[in-house]
Amino acid sequence: MKTRNPLFGGIIAAIMIGFGSWRLYNHFVVGLELETWRLLIAGAAIVYGIFVGYNILTQKNEK
């Protein structure tokens, strides 16, 4: 299995979670109207960020 660079993967995970959270916050709290496909992309970004973060935290160092 391919291992990820923990620093790069952590940065990507934080960006994806932050972006998705920001879009959902604007929609649900601020009241900005977003199309359904934009909400789906924001949700997918959060899920992907969590997935990448989980993979980084659980990967084993095999050298």
Protein backbone atom coordinates (compact mmCIF):
# COMPACT_ATOMS: atom_id res chain seq x y z
CA MET A 1 0.00 0.00 0.00
CA LYS A 2 1.26 3.45 -0.86
CA THR A 3 2.04 5.65 2.13
CA ARG A 4 1.39 9.37 2.13
CA ASN A 5 3.70 12.15 3.14
CA PRO A 6 2.26 13.06 6.55
CA LEU A 7 2.99 16.78 6.30
CA PHE A 8 1.58 17.21 2.78
CA GLY A 9 -1.39 14.97 3.52
CA GLY A 10 -2.15 16.87 6.73
CA ILE A 11 -2.10 20.17 4.87
CA ILE A 12 -4.40 18.80 2.15
CA ALA A 13 -6.78 17.35 4.75
CA ALA A 14 -6.94 20.66 6.65
CA ILE A 15 -7.58 22.62 3.45
CA MET A 16 -10.35 20.27 2.31
CA ILE A 17 -12.08 20.21 5.71
CA GLY A 18 -11.71 23.98 6.08
CA PHE A 19 -13.06 24.72 2.60
CA GLY A 20 -16.07 22.45 2.98
CA SER A 21 -16.83 23.70 6.46
CA TRP A 22 -16.62 27.32 5.35
CA ARG A 23 -19.08 26.72 2.49
CA LEU A 24 -21.55 24.86 4.71
CA TYR A 25 -21.22 27.53 7.42
CA ASN A 26 -22.05 30.24 4.88
CA HIS A 27 -25.09 28.32 3.73
CA PHE A 28 -26.58 27.19 7.04
CA VAL A 29 -25.51 29.95 9.47
CA VAL A 30 -25.01 33.09 7.40
CA GLY A 31 -27.93 32.35 5.08
CA LEU A 32 -26.10 32.51 1.76
CA GLU A 33 -28.08 30.57 -0.83
CA LEU A 34 -25.98 27.89 -2.55
CA GLU A 35 -27.00 25.47 -5.25
CA THR A 36 -27.36 21.82 -4.35
CA TRP A 37 -24.32 20.78 -6.38
CA ARG A 38 -22.14 23.25 -4.44
CA LEU A 39 -23.38 21.82 -1.15
CA LEU A 40 -22.58 18.32 -2.40
CA ILE A 41 -19.05 19.39 -3.37
CA ALA A 42 -18.56 20.99 0.06
CA GLY A 43 -19.73 17.80 1.77
CA ALA A 44 -17.51 15.66 -0.44
CA ALA A 45 -14.52 17.89 0.37
CA ILE A 46 -15.10 17.40 4.10
CA VAL A 47 -15.47 13.63 3.71
CA TYR A 48 -12.32 13.42 1.59
CA GLY A 49 -10.38 15.54 4.10
CA ILE A 50 -11.46 13.25 6.94
CA PHE A 51 -10.51 10.21 4.85
CA VAL A 52 -7.03 11.57 4.11
CA GLY A 53 -6.52 12.56 7.75
CA TYR A 54 -7.60 9.11 8.94
CA ASN A 55 -5.24 7.41 6.49
CA ILE A 56 -2.32 9.53 7.66
CA LEU A 57 -3.02 8.86 11.32
CA THR A 58 -3.35 5.11 10.82
CA GLN A 59 -0.53 4.48 8.34
CA LYS A 60 2.34 2.37 9.53
CA ASN A 61 5.95 3.33 8.98
CA GLU A 62 7.38 0.46 6.94
CA LYS A 63 10.99 1.11 6.01
